[in-house]
N, C-alpha and C. Protein backbone atom coordinates (compact mmCIF):
# COMPACT_ATOMS: atom_id res chain seq x y z
N MET A 1 178.12 65.93 94.31
CA MET A 1 178.74 65.64 93.03
C MET A 1 177.73 65.77 91.90
N GLN A 2 176.47 65.53 92.21
CA GLN A 2 175.44 65.57 91.18
C GLN A 2 175.45 66.90 90.42
N GLY A 3 175.51 68.00 91.15
CA GLY A 3 175.47 69.30 90.51
C GLY A 3 176.63 69.54 89.56
N VAL A 4 177.81 69.10 89.95
CA VAL A 4 178.99 69.33 89.09
C VAL A 4 178.96 68.42 87.87
N VAL A 5 178.42 67.22 88.01
CA VAL A 5 178.30 66.33 86.85
C VAL A 5 177.26 66.88 85.89
N LEU A 6 176.15 67.43 86.42
CA LEU A 6 175.11 68.00 85.57
C LEU A 6 175.51 69.33 84.96
N GLU A 7 176.24 70.12 85.71
CA GLU A 7 176.68 71.46 85.27
C GLU A 7 178.19 71.59 85.52
N PRO A 8 179.02 70.91 84.72
CA PRO A 8 180.46 70.89 84.98
C PRO A 8 181.13 72.27 85.00
N ALA A 9 180.56 73.24 84.32
CA ALA A 9 181.16 74.59 84.30
C ALA A 9 181.15 75.22 85.69
N LEU A 10 180.32 74.71 86.59
CA LEU A 10 180.30 75.25 87.96
C LEU A 10 181.65 75.09 88.64
N ALA A 11 182.40 74.07 88.27
CA ALA A 11 183.73 73.84 88.86
C ALA A 11 184.69 74.95 88.48
N ARG A 12 184.42 75.62 87.38
CA ARG A 12 185.28 76.74 86.98
C ARG A 12 184.73 78.06 87.50
N ARG A 13 183.42 78.15 87.61
CA ARG A 13 182.78 79.39 88.04
C ARG A 13 182.90 79.63 89.54
N HIS A 14 183.02 78.57 90.31
CA HIS A 14 183.05 78.68 91.77
C HIS A 14 184.29 77.98 92.33
N ASP A 15 184.74 78.47 93.46
CA ASP A 15 185.88 77.87 94.15
C ASP A 15 185.37 76.69 94.98
N LEU A 16 185.28 75.54 94.36
CA LEU A 16 184.73 74.36 95.03
C LEU A 16 185.86 73.59 95.71
N PRO A 17 185.66 73.24 96.97
CA PRO A 17 186.74 72.59 97.72
C PRO A 17 186.87 71.11 97.41
N HIS A 18 188.09 70.63 97.49
CA HIS A 18 188.33 69.19 97.43
C HIS A 18 187.98 68.59 98.78
N VAL A 19 187.70 67.31 98.79
CA VAL A 19 187.33 66.61 100.02
C VAL A 19 188.48 65.71 100.43
N ASP A 20 188.82 65.75 101.72
CA ASP A 20 189.91 64.91 102.19
C ASP A 20 189.42 63.64 102.87
N ASP A 21 188.14 63.35 102.75
CA ASP A 21 187.59 62.13 103.34
C ASP A 21 188.01 60.92 102.52
N PRO A 22 188.15 59.77 103.17
CA PRO A 22 188.43 58.55 102.41
C PRO A 22 187.13 58.06 101.78
N GLY A 23 187.26 57.25 100.79
CA GLY A 23 186.07 56.64 100.20
C GLY A 23 185.90 56.98 98.74
N PRO A 24 185.14 56.15 98.05
CA PRO A 24 185.00 56.30 96.61
C PRO A 24 184.25 57.57 96.18
N GLU A 25 183.25 58.00 96.96
CA GLU A 25 182.51 59.20 96.56
C GLU A 25 183.38 60.45 96.65
N ALA A 26 184.15 60.56 97.73
CA ALA A 26 185.06 61.70 97.88
C ALA A 26 186.12 61.68 96.78
N SER A 27 186.62 60.51 96.49
CA SER A 27 187.62 60.38 95.44
C SER A 27 187.04 60.78 94.08
N ALA A 28 185.82 60.35 93.81
CA ALA A 28 185.16 60.71 92.55
C ALA A 28 184.91 62.22 92.48
N TRP A 29 184.46 62.81 93.59
CA TRP A 29 184.24 64.27 93.64
C TRP A 29 185.52 65.01 93.27
N ASN A 30 186.62 64.64 93.90
CA ASN A 30 187.90 65.30 93.64
C ASN A 30 188.32 65.12 92.19
N ALA A 31 188.14 63.92 91.67
CA ALA A 31 188.53 63.65 90.28
C ALA A 31 187.69 64.45 89.29
N VAL A 32 186.39 64.53 89.56
CA VAL A 32 185.51 65.31 88.67
C VAL A 32 185.88 66.79 88.74
N LEU A 33 186.14 67.31 89.94
CA LEU A 33 186.56 68.71 90.06
C LEU A 33 187.84 68.97 89.27
N ASP A 34 188.81 68.09 89.42
CA ASP A 34 190.08 68.26 88.71
C ASP A 34 189.87 68.23 87.20
N PHE A 35 189.07 67.28 86.73
CA PHE A 35 188.82 67.18 85.29
C PHE A 35 188.13 68.45 84.78
N CYS A 36 187.09 68.88 85.47
CA CYS A 36 186.33 70.06 85.02
C CYS A 36 187.20 71.32 85.02
N ALA A 37 188.10 71.42 85.97
CA ALA A 37 188.96 72.59 86.05
C ALA A 37 190.02 72.62 84.96
N THR A 38 190.42 71.44 84.48
CA THR A 38 191.53 71.39 83.53
C THR A 38 191.13 70.94 82.12
N ALA A 39 189.88 70.56 81.93
CA ALA A 39 189.44 70.09 80.61
C ALA A 39 189.61 71.20 79.58
N PRO A 40 190.03 70.81 78.39
CA PRO A 40 190.12 71.84 77.34
C PRO A 40 188.71 72.27 76.94
N GLY A 41 188.51 73.55 76.79
CA GLY A 41 187.18 74.05 76.44
C GLY A 41 186.24 73.97 77.63
N GLU A 42 184.98 74.23 77.35
CA GLU A 42 183.94 74.21 78.39
C GLU A 42 183.58 72.75 78.70
N PRO A 43 183.73 72.32 79.96
CA PRO A 43 183.39 70.93 80.29
C PRO A 43 181.88 70.69 80.18
N THR A 44 181.52 69.50 79.75
CA THR A 44 180.12 69.13 79.61
C THR A 44 179.85 67.83 80.36
N THR A 45 178.58 67.55 80.59
CA THR A 45 178.21 66.30 81.24
C THR A 45 178.69 65.12 80.40
N ALA A 46 178.48 65.20 79.09
CA ALA A 46 178.94 64.12 78.21
C ALA A 46 180.45 63.94 78.29
N GLY A 47 181.18 65.05 78.38
CA GLY A 47 182.63 64.97 78.49
C GLY A 47 183.07 64.32 79.79
N VAL A 48 182.35 64.62 80.89
CA VAL A 48 182.66 64.00 82.17
C VAL A 48 182.42 62.49 82.09
N VAL A 49 181.26 62.11 81.56
CA VAL A 49 180.93 60.69 81.44
C VAL A 49 181.96 59.97 80.58
N GLN A 50 182.29 60.56 79.44
CA GLN A 50 183.26 59.94 78.53
C GLN A 50 184.64 59.83 79.19
N HIS A 51 185.06 60.88 79.86
CA HIS A 51 186.38 60.88 80.48
C HIS A 51 186.52 59.79 81.54
N PHE A 52 185.46 59.57 82.30
CA PHE A 52 185.54 58.61 83.41
C PHE A 52 185.00 57.22 83.07
N ALA A 53 184.58 57.01 81.84
CA ALA A 53 184.10 55.69 81.43
C ALA A 53 185.22 54.67 81.62
N GLY A 54 184.89 53.56 82.26
CA GLY A 54 185.87 52.51 82.46
C GLY A 54 186.82 52.75 83.62
N THR A 55 186.61 53.82 84.39
CA THR A 55 187.46 54.08 85.54
C THR A 55 186.74 53.67 86.82
N THR A 56 187.43 53.78 87.93
CA THR A 56 186.81 53.44 89.21
C THR A 56 185.70 54.43 89.58
N HIS A 57 185.66 55.57 88.93
CA HIS A 57 184.64 56.59 89.22
C HIS A 57 183.40 56.46 88.35
N ALA A 58 183.43 55.60 87.37
CA ALA A 58 182.30 55.48 86.43
C ALA A 58 181.01 55.12 87.15
N GLY A 59 181.06 54.24 88.12
CA GLY A 59 179.86 53.82 88.85
C GLY A 59 179.24 54.96 89.63
N ALA A 60 180.07 55.75 90.28
CA ALA A 60 179.57 56.90 91.05
C ALA A 60 178.91 57.91 90.13
N ILE A 61 179.52 58.15 88.99
CA ILE A 61 178.97 59.11 88.04
C ILE A 61 177.66 58.59 87.45
N ALA A 62 177.61 57.31 87.14
CA ALA A 62 176.36 56.71 86.62
C ALA A 62 175.24 56.82 87.66
N GLY A 63 175.58 56.59 88.93
CA GLY A 63 174.59 56.71 90.00
C GLY A 63 174.05 58.12 90.12
N VAL A 64 174.93 59.09 89.99
CA VAL A 64 174.53 60.50 90.05
C VAL A 64 173.59 60.82 88.89
N LEU A 65 173.92 60.35 87.72
CA LEU A 65 173.07 60.63 86.55
C LEU A 65 171.71 59.96 86.67
N ALA A 66 171.68 58.74 87.18
CA ALA A 66 170.41 58.04 87.36
C ALA A 66 169.52 58.79 88.35
N SER A 67 170.12 59.26 89.42
CA SER A 67 169.37 60.02 90.43
C SER A 67 168.88 61.34 89.85
N ALA A 68 169.71 61.98 89.06
CA ALA A 68 169.36 63.28 88.47
C ALA A 68 168.21 63.15 87.47
N ALA A 69 168.14 62.03 86.78
CA ALA A 69 167.08 61.84 85.80
C ALA A 69 165.71 61.87 86.46
N ASP A 70 165.63 61.43 87.70
CA ASP A 70 164.36 61.43 88.43
C ASP A 70 163.98 62.82 88.92
N GLN A 71 164.96 63.71 89.09
CA GLN A 71 164.69 65.00 89.71
C GLN A 71 164.46 66.14 88.72
N ALA A 72 165.08 66.12 87.58
CA ALA A 72 164.94 67.16 86.55
C ALA A 72 165.04 68.57 87.14
N LEU A 73 166.19 68.87 87.75
CA LEU A 73 166.40 70.16 88.38
C LEU A 73 166.80 71.22 87.37
N PRO A 74 166.29 72.46 87.51
CA PRO A 74 166.75 73.55 86.64
C PRO A 74 168.19 73.94 86.99
N ALA A 75 168.90 74.48 86.02
CA ALA A 75 170.32 74.82 86.18
C ALA A 75 170.55 75.77 87.36
N GLU A 76 169.64 76.72 87.57
CA GLU A 76 169.80 77.68 88.67
C GLU A 76 169.73 76.97 90.02
N GLN A 77 168.84 76.00 90.14
CA GLN A 77 168.72 75.26 91.39
C GLN A 77 169.95 74.39 91.61
N VAL A 78 170.45 73.78 90.55
CA VAL A 78 171.67 72.96 90.64
C VAL A 78 172.82 73.82 91.15
N GLU A 79 172.97 75.01 90.57
CA GLU A 79 174.07 75.89 91.00
C GLU A 79 173.92 76.28 92.46
N GLY A 80 172.73 76.63 92.89
CA GLY A 80 172.50 76.99 94.29
C GLY A 80 172.84 75.84 95.23
N GLU A 81 172.48 74.63 94.85
CA GLU A 81 172.78 73.47 95.69
C GLU A 81 174.28 73.19 95.74
N VAL A 82 174.97 73.37 94.62
CA VAL A 82 176.42 73.14 94.59
C VAL A 82 177.14 74.16 95.48
N VAL A 83 176.76 75.41 95.38
CA VAL A 83 177.39 76.46 96.18
C VAL A 83 177.12 76.22 97.66
N ALA A 84 175.91 75.84 98.01
CA ALA A 84 175.57 75.56 99.41
C ALA A 84 176.36 74.35 99.93
N ALA A 85 176.48 73.32 99.12
CA ALA A 85 177.25 72.13 99.52
C ALA A 85 178.71 72.48 99.71
N ALA A 86 179.25 73.32 98.84
CA ALA A 86 180.66 73.73 98.96
C ALA A 86 180.87 74.49 100.26
N GLU A 87 179.93 75.33 100.63
CA GLU A 87 180.05 76.07 101.89
C GLU A 87 179.99 75.12 103.08
N ARG A 88 179.13 74.11 103.03
CA ARG A 88 179.07 73.12 104.11
C ARG A 88 180.39 72.35 104.22
N LEU A 89 180.98 72.01 103.08
CA LEU A 89 182.27 71.32 103.08
C LEU A 89 183.35 72.19 103.72
N ARG A 90 183.37 73.47 103.36
CA ARG A 90 184.37 74.38 103.94
C ARG A 90 184.20 74.49 105.46
N ARG A 91 182.97 74.60 105.92
CA ARG A 91 182.73 74.68 107.37
C ARG A 91 183.18 73.41 108.06
N ALA A 92 182.91 72.26 107.44
CA ALA A 92 183.31 70.98 108.04
C ALA A 92 184.83 70.90 108.15
N VAL A 93 185.53 71.35 107.12
CA VAL A 93 187.00 71.34 107.15
C VAL A 93 187.50 72.27 108.25
N ASP A 94 186.90 73.45 108.36
CA ASP A 94 187.30 74.39 109.42
C ASP A 94 187.04 73.80 110.80
N GLU A 95 185.90 73.14 110.97
CA GLU A 95 185.58 72.54 112.27
C GLU A 95 186.55 71.42 112.62
N ARG A 96 186.94 70.61 111.63
CA ARG A 96 187.92 69.55 111.89
C ARG A 96 189.27 70.15 112.27
N GLY A 97 189.65 71.24 111.60
CA GLY A 97 190.91 71.91 111.92
C GLY A 97 190.89 72.48 113.32
N LEU A 98 189.78 73.08 113.71
CA LEU A 98 189.64 73.61 115.06
C LEU A 98 189.69 72.49 116.09
N ALA A 99 188.99 71.41 115.83
CA ALA A 99 188.99 70.27 116.76
C ALA A 99 190.41 69.71 116.91
N ALA A 100 191.15 69.65 115.82
CA ALA A 100 192.53 69.14 115.88
C ALA A 100 193.40 70.05 116.74
N LEU A 101 193.22 71.37 116.60
CA LEU A 101 194.00 72.30 117.43
C LEU A 101 193.61 72.18 118.90
N LEU A 102 192.34 72.01 119.18
CA LEU A 102 191.87 71.92 120.56
C LEU A 102 192.34 70.64 121.26
N ARG A 103 192.63 69.61 120.49
CA ARG A 103 193.11 68.35 121.07
C ARG A 103 194.57 68.43 121.52
N GLN A 104 195.29 69.42 121.03
CA GLN A 104 196.71 69.54 121.36
C GLN A 104 196.90 70.39 122.62
N PRO A 105 197.89 70.05 123.43
CA PRO A 105 198.21 70.92 124.57
C PRO A 105 198.65 72.29 124.07
N LEU A 106 198.20 73.33 124.73
CA LEU A 106 198.47 74.70 124.31
C LEU A 106 199.96 74.97 124.13
N GLU A 107 200.79 74.43 125.02
CA GLU A 107 202.23 74.71 124.95
C GLU A 107 202.90 74.09 123.73
N THR A 108 202.24 73.14 123.08
CA THR A 108 202.83 72.52 121.88
C THR A 108 202.47 73.27 120.60
N LEU A 109 201.53 74.22 120.69
CA LEU A 109 201.12 74.96 119.50
C LEU A 109 202.11 76.06 119.17
N SER A 110 202.35 76.25 117.90
CA SER A 110 203.20 77.36 117.46
C SER A 110 202.43 78.66 117.66
N SER A 111 203.14 79.76 117.51
CA SER A 111 202.51 81.07 117.63
C SER A 111 201.41 81.23 116.59
N ASP A 112 201.67 80.80 115.36
CA ASP A 112 200.68 80.89 114.30
C ASP A 112 199.45 80.03 114.61
N GLU A 113 199.67 78.85 115.15
CA GLU A 113 198.56 77.97 115.50
C GLU A 113 197.72 78.57 116.63
N ARG A 114 198.38 79.18 117.60
CA ARG A 114 197.65 79.83 118.70
C ARG A 114 196.80 80.99 118.17
N THR A 115 197.39 81.77 117.29
CA THR A 115 196.65 82.89 116.69
C THR A 115 195.45 82.39 115.92
N ALA A 116 195.66 81.34 115.12
CA ALA A 116 194.56 80.76 114.36
C ALA A 116 193.47 80.22 115.28
N LEU A 117 193.88 79.61 116.38
CA LEU A 117 192.92 79.08 117.35
C LEU A 117 192.09 80.20 117.96
N VAL A 118 192.73 81.27 118.37
CA VAL A 118 192.00 82.41 118.95
C VAL A 118 191.04 83.01 117.93
N GLU A 119 191.49 83.18 116.68
CA GLU A 119 190.63 83.75 115.65
C GLU A 119 189.42 82.86 115.36
N ARG A 120 189.65 81.56 115.32
CA ARG A 120 188.53 80.63 115.06
C ARG A 120 187.54 80.63 116.21
N LEU A 121 188.05 80.69 117.43
CA LEU A 121 187.15 80.70 118.60
C LEU A 121 186.35 82.00 118.65
N ARG A 122 186.96 83.12 118.30
CA ARG A 122 186.25 84.40 118.27
C ARG A 122 185.19 84.41 117.18
N ALA A 123 185.50 83.78 116.06
CA ALA A 123 184.56 83.77 114.92
C ALA A 123 183.32 82.94 115.22
N GLY A 124 183.46 82.04 116.18
CA GLY A 124 182.31 81.23 116.57
C GLY A 124 182.27 79.99 115.82
């Protein structure tokens, strides 16, 4: 979340996935992504902070900013970290989907689910 709060335009420049995990950090991530994608004009860090002030996500955003102040990362590094994190999230979602398919008896899977299972297993 740190990268998107520091560089909110990344949410528009990259296809960043939403997180389906429970918990306040995942909820804040999703809310920040939604805000950055729909904010009028170019989203800014100040705009994110202002938008979420007084909400349940304000604490998570403040924590991210406090941590970022210690690191002073250049924008290029922030973008690289956000893109890498998004790819890890996508892989985790794919792995959970594969695990869910593998838990089901083969005869209960639809034709589409079987095809998806074979493709995922071939992909490694």
